[in-house]
Amino acid sequence: MSESGLDRIDRNILRHLQKDGRLSNADLAQKVNVSAATCHRRTQRLFEEGYILGVHADINPKPVGLGALVMVGVVLDHSTPESFRAFEEAILSMPVVLNCNLVAGDYDYLLTIRVKDMSDFNTLHGEQLIALPGVRQTRTFFVMKEVKNNEPLPF
């Protein structure tokens, strides 16, 4: 096993599942050149040890009415554990927020949000985002083109 606890076969399993999470165990075993039983056992271990967090469908946002991707930088009033905790708890209840990351630099948090359109975001911003606990300032960036998104991890 390597330093990360993964050997060549484990890494191969992860690479193939990143590309196609719908692979059957038999097909995956064939691709990584092990028996189906070995593949199943290794895949289960990868789940149990937290290397695989889940298997999800990649949904096209436009047909489901979420064609606008928005990035929002958030600055809080105070940089205290309590203010961070209150903000994070509030964000967790907002399904339109796809990602929320505590960052270093000009902002405290960077949010990735999916909405129908600019008008939909305007409503969200005016009714929810600026009312989140401790928010002093936001800066909004509308994504004009997604060049690279949800790429497999490079390992």
N, C-alpha and C. Protein backbone atom coordinates (compact mmCIF):
# COMPACT_ATOMS: atom_id res chain seq x y z
N MET A 1 0.84 -1.20 0.00
CA MET A 1 0.00 0.00 0.00
C MET A 1 0.88 1.26 0.00
N SER A 2 0.37 2.32 -0.62
CA SER A 2 1.11 3.57 -0.66
C SER A 2 0.87 4.35 0.62
N GLU A 3 1.50 5.50 0.72
CA GLU A 3 1.38 6.34 1.91
C GLU A 3 -0.07 6.70 2.22
N SER A 4 -0.91 6.85 1.21
CA SER A 4 -2.31 7.21 1.43
C SER A 4 -3.17 6.00 1.79
N GLY A 5 -2.57 4.81 1.86
CA GLY A 5 -3.35 3.62 2.18
C GLY A 5 -3.97 2.97 0.96
N LEU A 6 -3.62 3.44 -0.21
CA LEU A 6 -4.18 2.90 -1.45
C LEU A 6 -3.09 2.25 -2.29
N ASP A 7 -3.37 1.07 -2.78
CA ASP A 7 -2.43 0.46 -3.71
C ASP A 7 -2.91 0.71 -5.14
N ARG A 8 -2.20 0.13 -6.10
CA ARG A 8 -2.52 0.35 -7.52
C ARG A 8 -3.95 -0.08 -7.86
N ILE A 9 -4.38 -1.20 -7.33
CA ILE A 9 -5.74 -1.69 -7.63
C ILE A 9 -6.79 -0.76 -7.05
N ASP A 10 -6.59 -0.32 -5.80
CA ASP A 10 -7.54 0.63 -5.19
C ASP A 10 -7.65 1.91 -6.02
N ARG A 11 -6.52 2.44 -6.44
CA ARG A 11 -6.52 3.66 -7.25
C ARG A 11 -7.23 3.44 -8.58
N ASN A 12 -7.03 2.28 -9.16
CA ASN A 12 -7.72 1.96 -10.41
C ASN A 12 -9.24 1.89 -10.19
N ILE A 13 -9.65 1.26 -9.11
CA ILE A 13 -11.09 1.21 -8.79
C ILE A 13 -11.64 2.62 -8.66
N LEU A 14 -10.94 3.47 -7.92
CA LEU A 14 -11.41 4.85 -7.72
C LEU A 14 -11.46 5.62 -9.05
N ARG A 15 -10.45 5.46 -9.88
CA ARG A 15 -10.43 6.16 -11.18
C ARG A 15 -11.63 5.75 -12.03
N HIS A 16 -11.90 4.45 -12.09
CA HIS A 16 -13.02 3.99 -12.92
C HIS A 16 -14.36 4.42 -12.34
N LEU A 17 -14.52 4.40 -11.03
CA LEU A 17 -15.79 4.82 -10.43
C LEU A 17 -16.00 6.33 -10.57
N GLN A 18 -14.92 7.11 -10.58
CA GLN A 18 -15.06 8.55 -10.82
C GLN A 18 -15.61 8.82 -12.21
N LYS A 19 -15.17 8.03 -13.18
CA LYS A 19 -15.63 8.21 -14.55
C LYS A 19 -17.04 7.71 -14.75
N ASP A 20 -17.37 6.58 -14.10
CA ASP A 20 -18.70 5.98 -14.27
C ASP A 20 -19.10 5.24 -13.01
N GLY A 21 -19.84 5.92 -12.15
CA GLY A 21 -20.29 5.34 -10.89
C GLY A 21 -21.34 4.26 -11.06
N ARG A 22 -21.83 4.07 -12.28
CA ARG A 22 -22.87 3.05 -12.55
C ARG A 22 -22.28 1.72 -12.98
N LEU A 23 -20.97 1.61 -13.04
CA LEU A 23 -20.35 0.35 -13.43
C LEU A 23 -20.81 -0.77 -12.51
N SER A 24 -21.16 -1.91 -13.08
CA SER A 24 -21.48 -3.06 -12.23
C SER A 24 -20.18 -3.57 -11.61
N ASN A 25 -20.30 -4.31 -10.53
CA ASN A 25 -19.11 -4.86 -9.90
C ASN A 25 -18.35 -5.76 -10.87
N ALA A 26 -19.08 -6.55 -11.66
CA ALA A 26 -18.43 -7.45 -12.62
C ALA A 26 -17.64 -6.66 -13.66
N ASP A 27 -18.24 -5.58 -14.19
CA ASP A 27 -17.54 -4.75 -15.19
C ASP A 27 -16.33 -4.05 -14.57
N LEU A 28 -16.50 -3.55 -13.35
CA LEU A 28 -15.40 -2.89 -12.66
C LEU A 28 -14.27 -3.87 -12.41
N ALA A 29 -14.60 -5.06 -11.95
CA ALA A 29 -13.58 -6.09 -11.69
C ALA A 29 -12.79 -6.40 -12.96
N GLN A 30 -13.49 -6.49 -14.08
CA GLN A 30 -12.82 -6.77 -15.35
C GLN A 30 -11.88 -5.63 -15.73
N LYS A 31 -12.33 -4.38 -15.53
CA LYS A 31 -11.51 -3.22 -15.88
C LYS A 31 -10.24 -3.12 -15.03
N VAL A 32 -10.33 -3.54 -13.76
CA VAL A 32 -9.16 -3.43 -12.88
C VAL A 32 -8.41 -4.75 -12.76
N ASN A 33 -8.89 -5.77 -13.50
CA ASN A 33 -8.19 -7.04 -13.62
C ASN A 33 -8.08 -7.81 -12.29
N VAL A 34 -9.23 -7.88 -11.56
CA VAL A 34 -9.31 -8.71 -10.36
C VAL A 34 -10.62 -9.49 -10.41
N SER A 35 -10.78 -10.43 -9.51
CA SER A 35 -12.03 -11.20 -9.46
C SER A 35 -13.16 -10.31 -8.96
N ALA A 36 -14.38 -10.69 -9.25
CA ALA A 36 -15.54 -9.93 -8.79
C ALA A 36 -15.59 -9.87 -7.26
N ALA A 37 -15.26 -10.98 -6.60
CA ALA A 37 -15.27 -11.01 -5.14
C ALA A 37 -14.23 -10.05 -4.56
N THR A 38 -13.03 -10.06 -5.14
CA THR A 38 -11.97 -9.15 -4.68
C THR A 38 -12.38 -7.70 -4.92
N CYS A 39 -12.95 -7.43 -6.06
CA CYS A 39 -13.38 -6.07 -6.40
C CYS A 39 -14.45 -5.59 -5.41
N HIS A 40 -15.42 -6.45 -5.14
CA HIS A 40 -16.49 -6.08 -4.20
C HIS A 40 -15.92 -5.80 -2.82
N ARG A 41 -15.06 -6.66 -2.35
CA ARG A 41 -14.46 -6.50 -1.03
C ARG A 41 -13.67 -5.18 -0.96
N ARG A 42 -12.88 -4.91 -1.99
CA ARG A 42 -12.08 -3.67 -2.01
C ARG A 42 -12.97 -2.43 -2.10
N THR A 43 -13.99 -2.49 -2.93
CA THR A 43 -14.90 -1.34 -3.07
C THR A 43 -15.61 -1.07 -1.75
N GLN A 44 -16.07 -2.12 -1.08
CA GLN A 44 -16.73 -1.95 0.23
C GLN A 44 -15.77 -1.30 1.22
N ARG A 45 -14.51 -1.75 1.22
CA ARG A 45 -13.52 -1.16 2.13
C ARG A 45 -13.30 0.31 1.80
N LEU A 46 -13.27 0.66 0.52
CA LEU A 46 -13.08 2.07 0.13
C LEU A 46 -14.23 2.94 0.62
N PHE A 47 -15.45 2.40 0.60
CA PHE A 47 -16.59 3.11 1.18
C PHE A 47 -16.43 3.23 2.69
N GLU A 48 -16.17 2.11 3.35
CA GLU A 48 -16.08 2.09 4.82
C GLU A 48 -14.98 3.00 5.36
N GLU A 49 -13.86 3.10 4.64
CA GLU A 49 -12.74 3.92 5.09
C GLU A 49 -12.85 5.37 4.65
N GLY A 50 -13.94 5.72 3.95
CA GLY A 50 -14.19 7.12 3.60
C GLY A 50 -13.51 7.60 2.34
N TYR A 51 -12.92 6.71 1.55
CA TYR A 51 -12.34 7.14 0.28
C TYR A 51 -13.43 7.46 -0.73
N ILE A 52 -14.52 6.72 -0.68
CA ILE A 52 -15.68 6.99 -1.54
C ILE A 52 -16.78 7.55 -0.64
N LEU A 53 -17.20 8.76 -0.94
CA LEU A 53 -18.22 9.42 -0.10
C LEU A 53 -19.63 9.11 -0.55
N GLY A 54 -19.81 8.76 -1.81
CA GLY A 54 -21.14 8.46 -2.33
C GLY A 54 -21.08 8.30 -3.83
N VAL A 55 -22.20 7.91 -4.39
CA VAL A 55 -22.33 7.76 -5.84
C VAL A 55 -23.53 8.59 -6.25
N HIS A 56 -23.35 9.48 -7.21
CA HIS A 56 -24.38 10.43 -7.57
C HIS A 56 -24.56 10.54 -9.08
N ALA A 57 -25.75 10.94 -9.50
CA ALA A 57 -25.99 11.24 -10.91
C ALA A 57 -25.56 12.68 -11.16
N ASP A 58 -25.00 12.95 -12.31
CA ASP A 58 -24.61 14.30 -12.71
C ASP A 58 -25.78 14.88 -13.51
N ILE A 59 -26.58 15.72 -12.87
CA ILE A 59 -27.81 16.25 -13.46
C ILE A 59 -27.51 17.51 -14.27
N ASN A 60 -28.06 17.60 -15.46
CA ASN A 60 -27.93 18.80 -16.29
C ASN A 60 -28.81 19.88 -15.66
N PRO A 61 -28.23 21.00 -15.20
CA PRO A 61 -29.02 22.00 -14.46
C PRO A 61 -30.05 22.76 -15.31
N LYS A 62 -29.80 22.96 -16.59
CA LYS A 62 -30.72 23.76 -17.41
C LYS A 62 -32.11 23.14 -17.54
N PRO A 63 -32.23 21.86 -17.90
CA PRO A 63 -33.58 21.29 -18.04
C PRO A 63 -34.39 21.24 -16.74
N VAL A 64 -33.70 21.29 -15.60
CA VAL A 64 -34.43 21.27 -14.32
C VAL A 64 -34.64 22.68 -13.77
N GLY A 65 -34.40 23.68 -14.62
CA GLY A 65 -34.70 25.06 -14.24
C GLY A 65 -33.67 25.74 -13.36
N LEU A 66 -32.42 25.29 -13.41
CA LEU A 66 -31.37 25.91 -12.61
C LEU A 66 -30.17 26.27 -13.49
N GLY A 67 -30.44 27.07 -14.51
CA GLY A 67 -29.44 27.38 -15.52
C GLY A 67 -28.41 28.42 -15.14
N ALA A 68 -28.61 29.16 -14.06
CA ALA A 68 -27.66 30.21 -13.69
C ALA A 68 -26.77 29.74 -12.54
N LEU A 69 -25.47 29.83 -12.78
CA LEU A 69 -24.49 29.49 -11.76
C LEU A 69 -23.90 30.80 -11.24
N VAL A 70 -23.89 30.93 -9.93
CA VAL A 70 -23.46 32.18 -9.31
C VAL A 70 -22.44 31.87 -8.22
N MET A 71 -21.36 32.65 -8.20
CA MET A 71 -20.36 32.56 -7.14
C MET A 71 -20.54 33.81 -6.28
N VAL A 72 -20.52 33.63 -4.97
CA VAL A 72 -20.71 34.76 -4.06
C VAL A 72 -19.62 34.74 -3.01
N GLY A 73 -18.90 35.86 -2.91
CA GLY A 73 -17.93 36.05 -1.84
C GLY A 73 -18.65 36.71 -0.68
N VAL A 74 -18.44 36.19 0.52
CA VAL A 74 -19.13 36.71 1.71
C VAL A 74 -18.10 37.15 2.74
N VAL A 75 -18.31 38.36 3.28
CA VAL A 75 -17.50 38.87 4.39
C VAL A 75 -18.41 38.98 5.59
N LEU A 76 -17.97 38.43 6.72
CA LEU A 76 -18.75 38.51 7.96
C LEU A 76 -18.32 39.72 8.79
N ASP A 77 -19.21 40.15 9.68
CA ASP A 77 -18.92 41.27 10.58
C ASP A 77 -17.74 40.97 11.51
N HIS A 78 -17.71 39.74 12.01
CA HIS A 78 -16.69 39.36 12.98
C HIS A 78 -16.07 38.02 12.58
N SER A 79 -14.79 37.89 12.86
CA SER A 79 -14.10 36.62 12.59
C SER A 79 -13.92 35.86 13.90
N THR A 80 -15.02 35.33 14.39
CA THR A 80 -14.99 34.56 15.63
C THR A 80 -15.57 33.18 15.37
N PRO A 81 -15.18 32.21 16.19
CA PRO A 81 -15.76 30.87 16.01
C PRO A 81 -17.29 30.88 16.07
N GLU A 82 -17.86 31.72 16.91
CA GLU A 82 -19.32 31.78 17.05
C GLU A 82 -19.97 32.33 15.79
N SER A 83 -19.38 33.37 15.20
CA SER A 83 -19.97 33.94 13.98
C SER A 83 -19.83 32.98 12.81
N PHE A 84 -18.69 32.29 12.72
CA PHE A 84 -18.53 31.29 11.67
C PHE A 84 -19.55 30.17 11.84
N ARG A 85 -19.72 29.68 13.07
CA ARG A 85 -20.65 28.59 13.34
C ARG A 85 -22.09 28.99 12.98
N ALA A 86 -22.50 30.20 13.36
CA ALA A 86 -23.87 30.65 13.07
C ALA A 86 -24.09 30.75 11.56
N PHE A 87 -23.12 31.30 10.84
CA PHE A 87 -23.24 31.42 9.39
C PHE A 87 -23.32 30.04 8.75
N GLU A 88 -22.42 29.15 9.13
CA GLU A 88 -22.38 27.81 8.54
C GLU A 88 -23.67 27.03 8.82
N GLU A 89 -24.21 27.14 10.02
CA GLU A 89 -25.46 26.44 10.34
C GLU A 89 -26.60 26.95 9.45
N ALA A 90 -26.64 28.26 9.22
CA ALA A 90 -27.69 28.83 8.37
C ALA A 90 -27.53 28.39 6.92
N ILE A 91 -26.30 28.35 6.43
CA ILE A 91 -26.03 27.96 5.04
C ILE A 91 -26.45 26.51 4.79
N LEU A 92 -26.25 25.65 5.77
CA LEU A 92 -26.57 24.23 5.61
C LEU A 92 -28.04 23.99 5.30
N SER A 93 -28.89 24.94 5.64
CA SER A 93 -30.34 24.77 5.39
C SER A 93 -30.77 25.34 4.04
N MET A 94 -29.83 25.78 3.22
CA MET A 94 -30.16 26.40 1.94
C MET A 94 -29.79 25.49 0.78
N PRO A 95 -30.75 24.76 0.19
CA PRO A 95 -30.45 23.82 -0.89
C PRO A 95 -29.85 24.46 -2.13
N VAL A 96 -30.12 25.73 -2.40
CA VAL A 96 -29.56 26.38 -3.60
C VAL A 96 -28.06 26.60 -3.48
N VAL A 97 -27.53 26.55 -2.27
CA VAL A 97 -26.08 26.70 -2.07
C VAL A 97 -25.45 25.33 -2.25
N LEU A 98 -24.75 25.16 -3.37
CA LEU A 98 -24.14 23.88 -3.70
C LEU A 98 -22.85 23.66 -2.93
N ASN A 99 -22.07 24.73 -2.77
CA ASN A 99 -20.79 24.66 -2.06
C ASN A 99 -20.64 25.89 -1.19
N CYS A 100 -20.06 25.69 -0.03
CA CYS A 100 -19.72 26.79 0.86
C CYS A 100 -18.35 26.47 1.43
N ASN A 101 -17.39 27.35 1.17
CA ASN A 101 -16.02 27.12 1.61
C ASN A 101 -15.50 28.30 2.41
N LEU A 102 -14.95 28.02 3.59
CA LEU A 102 -14.24 29.02 4.37
C LEU A 102 -12.90 29.22 3.68
N VAL A 103 -12.55 30.46 3.37
CA VAL A 103 -11.34 30.73 2.58
C VAL A 103 -10.48 31.80 3.24
N ALA A 104 -9.23 31.86 2.84
CA ALA A 104 -8.33 32.93 3.24
C ALA A 104 -8.34 33.96 2.12
N GLY A 105 -8.15 35.21 2.47
CA GLY A 105 -8.11 36.25 1.44
C GLY A 105 -9.13 37.33 1.69
N ASP A 106 -9.68 37.87 0.62
CA ASP A 106 -10.59 39.01 0.71
C ASP A 106 -11.95 38.66 1.29
N TYR A 107 -12.34 37.39 1.24
CA TYR A 107 -13.65 36.95 1.72
C TYR A 107 -13.47 35.94 2.83
N ASP A 108 -14.51 35.80 3.63
CA ASP A 108 -14.51 34.74 4.64
C ASP A 108 -14.98 33.43 4.01
N TYR A 109 -16.01 33.54 3.15
CA TYR A 109 -16.58 32.35 2.50
C TYR A 109 -16.77 32.59 1.02
N LEU A 110 -16.67 31.53 0.25
CA LEU A 110 -17.07 31.54 -1.15
C LEU A 110 -18.21 30.54 -1.30
N LEU A 111 -19.30 31.00 -1.89
CA LEU A 111 -20.47 30.17 -2.11
C LEU A 111 -20.64 29.90 -3.59
N THR A 112 -21.09 28.70 -3.92
CA THR A 112 -21.49 28.36 -5.28
C THR A 112 -22.98 28.10 -5.21
N ILE A 113 -23.74 28.81 -6.04
CA ILE A 113 -25.20 28.77 -5.96
C ILE A 113 -25.78 28.50 -7.34
N ARG A 114 -26.84 27.69 -7.39
CA ARG A 114 -27.58 27.43 -8.64
C ARG A 114 -28.98 27.99 -8.49
N VAL A 115 -29.37 28.83 -9.44
CA VAL A 115 -30.71 29.41 -9.48
C VAL A 115 -31.23 29.39 -10.91
N LYS A 116 -32.49 29.75 -11.08
CA LYS A 116 -33.11 29.77 -12.40
C LYS A 116 -32.47 30.83 -13.31
N ASP A 117 -32.38 32.06 -12.78
CA ASP A 117 -31.90 33.18 -13.58
C ASP A 117 -31.48 34.32 -12.67
N MET A 118 -31.11 35.45 -13.26
CA MET A 118 -30.66 36.60 -12.50
C MET A 118 -31.76 37.14 -11.58
N SER A 119 -32.97 37.14 -12.04
CA SER A 119 -34.09 37.61 -11.23
C SER A 119 -34.29 36.72 -10.01
N ASP A 120 -34.17 35.42 -10.21
CA ASP A 120 -34.27 34.46 -9.12
C ASP A 120 -33.18 34.72 -8.08
N PHE A 121 -31.95 34.98 -8.57
CA PHE A 121 -30.86 35.28 -7.65
C PHE A 121 -31.11 36.59 -6.91
N ASN A 122 -31.63 37.58 -7.60
CA ASN A 122 -31.92 38.87 -6.97
C ASN A 122 -32.85 38.68 -5.77
N THR A 123 -33.87 37.85 -5.94
CA THR A 123 -34.80 37.57 -4.85
C THR A 123 -34.09 36.84 -3.72
N LEU A 124 -33.32 35.83 -4.06
CA LEU A 124 -32.57 35.07 -3.06
C LEU A 124 -31.63 35.99 -2.28
N HIS A 125 -30.92 36.84 -2.99
CA HIS A 125 -29.98 37.76 -2.36
C HIS A 125 -30.69 38.71 -1.40
N GLY A 126 -31.77 39.32 -1.87
CA GLY A 126 -32.48 40.31 -1.06
C GLY A 126 -33.23 39.72 0.12
N GLU A 127 -33.70 38.48 0.00
CA GLU A 127 -34.50 37.89 1.07
C GLU A 127 -33.72 36.96 1.99
N GLN A 128 -32.65 36.35 1.48
CA GLN A 128 -31.97 35.35 2.30
C GLN A 128 -30.49 35.60 2.53
N LEU A 129 -29.73 35.84 1.46
CA LEU A 129 -28.28 35.93 1.62
C LEU A 129 -27.84 37.06 2.54
N ILE A 130 -28.36 38.26 2.31
CA ILE A 130 -27.91 39.38 3.15
C ILE A 130 -28.48 39.31 4.57
N ALA A 131 -29.46 38.43 4.76
CA ALA A 131 -30.04 38.25 6.09
C ALA A 131 -29.37 37.13 6.88
N LEU A 132 -28.40 36.44 6.28
CA LEU A 132 -27.70 35.38 7.00
C LEU A 132 -26.94 35.95 8.18
N PRO A 133 -26.77 35.17 9.23
CA PRO A 133 -26.10 35.68 10.44
C PRO A 133 -24.71 36.23 10.17
N GLY A 134 -24.49 37.48 10.60
CA GLY A 134 -23.18 38.09 10.55
C GLY A 134 -22.71 38.61 9.21
N VAL A 135 -23.54 38.54 8.17
CA VAL A 135 -23.09 38.98 6.84
C VAL A 135 -22.96 40.50 6.81
N ARG A 136 -21.75 40.97 6.50
CA ARG A 136 -21.51 42.39 6.36
C ARG A 136 -21.52 42.80 4.89
N GLN A 137 -20.99 41.93 4.03
CA GLN A 137 -20.84 42.30 2.62
C GLN A 137 -20.84 41.04 1.76
N THR A 138 -21.40 41.19 0.56
CA THR A 138 -21.31 40.10 -0.43
C THR A 138 -20.83 40.69 -1.75
N ARG A 139 -20.17 39.87 -2.52
CA ARG A 139 -19.80 40.24 -3.88
C ARG A 139 -20.20 39.08 -4.77
N THR A 140 -20.97 39.40 -5.82
CA THR A 140 -21.57 38.37 -6.67
C THR A 140 -20.88 38.31 -8.02
N PHE A 141 -20.67 37.07 -8.49
CA PHE A 141 -20.08 36.82 -9.80
C PHE A 141 -20.99 35.84 -10.54
N PHE A 142 -21.59 36.28 -11.63
CA PHE A 142 -22.40 35.39 -12.46
C PHE A 142 -21.48 34.66 -13.43
N VAL A 143 -21.56 33.35 -13.44
CA VAL A 143 -20.72 32.54 -14.32
C VAL A 143 -21.29 32.63 -15.74
N MET A 144 -20.45 33.09 -16.66
CA MET A 144 -20.89 33.23 -18.04
C MET A 144 -20.69 31.95 -18.83
N LYS A 145 -19.67 31.17 -18.43
CA LYS A 145 -19.38 29.92 -19.13
C LYS A 145 -18.65 28.98 -18.17
N GLU A 146 -19.15 27.77 -18.05
CA GLU A 146 -18.47 26.77 -17.23
C GLU A 146 -17.44 26.07 -18.11
N VAL A 147 -16.18 26.34 -17.86
CA VAL A 147 -15.12 25.80 -18.68
C VAL A 147 -14.72 24.41 -18.20
N LYS A 148 -14.65 24.22 -16.89
CA LYS A 148 -14.25 22.94 -16.32
C LYS A 148 -15.00 22.78 -15.00
N ASN A 149 -15.71 21.69 -14.87
CA ASN A 149 -16.56 21.51 -13.69
C ASN A 149 -16.64 20.04 -13.31
N ASN A 150 -16.51 19.74 -12.04
CA ASN A 150 -16.67 18.38 -11.52
C ASN A 150 -15.73 17.38 -12.16
N GLU A 151 -14.50 17.76 -12.37
CA GLU A 151 -13.52 16.85 -12.96
C GLU A 151 -13.10 15.80 -11.94
N PRO A 152 -12.70 14.62 -12.41
CA PRO A 152 -12.20 13.59 -11.50
C PRO A 152 -10.94 14.09 -10.76
N LEU A 153 -10.74 13.60 -9.55
CA LEU A 153 -9.54 13.95 -8.79
C LEU A 153 -8.31 13.42 -9.51
N PRO A 154 -7.26 14.21 -9.58
CA PRO A 154 -6.06 13.80 -10.33
C PRO A 154 -5.06 13.01 -9.47
N PHE A 155 -5.32 11.73 -9.28
CA PHE A 155 -4.38 10.93 -8.49
C PHE A 155 -3.93 9.71 -9.25
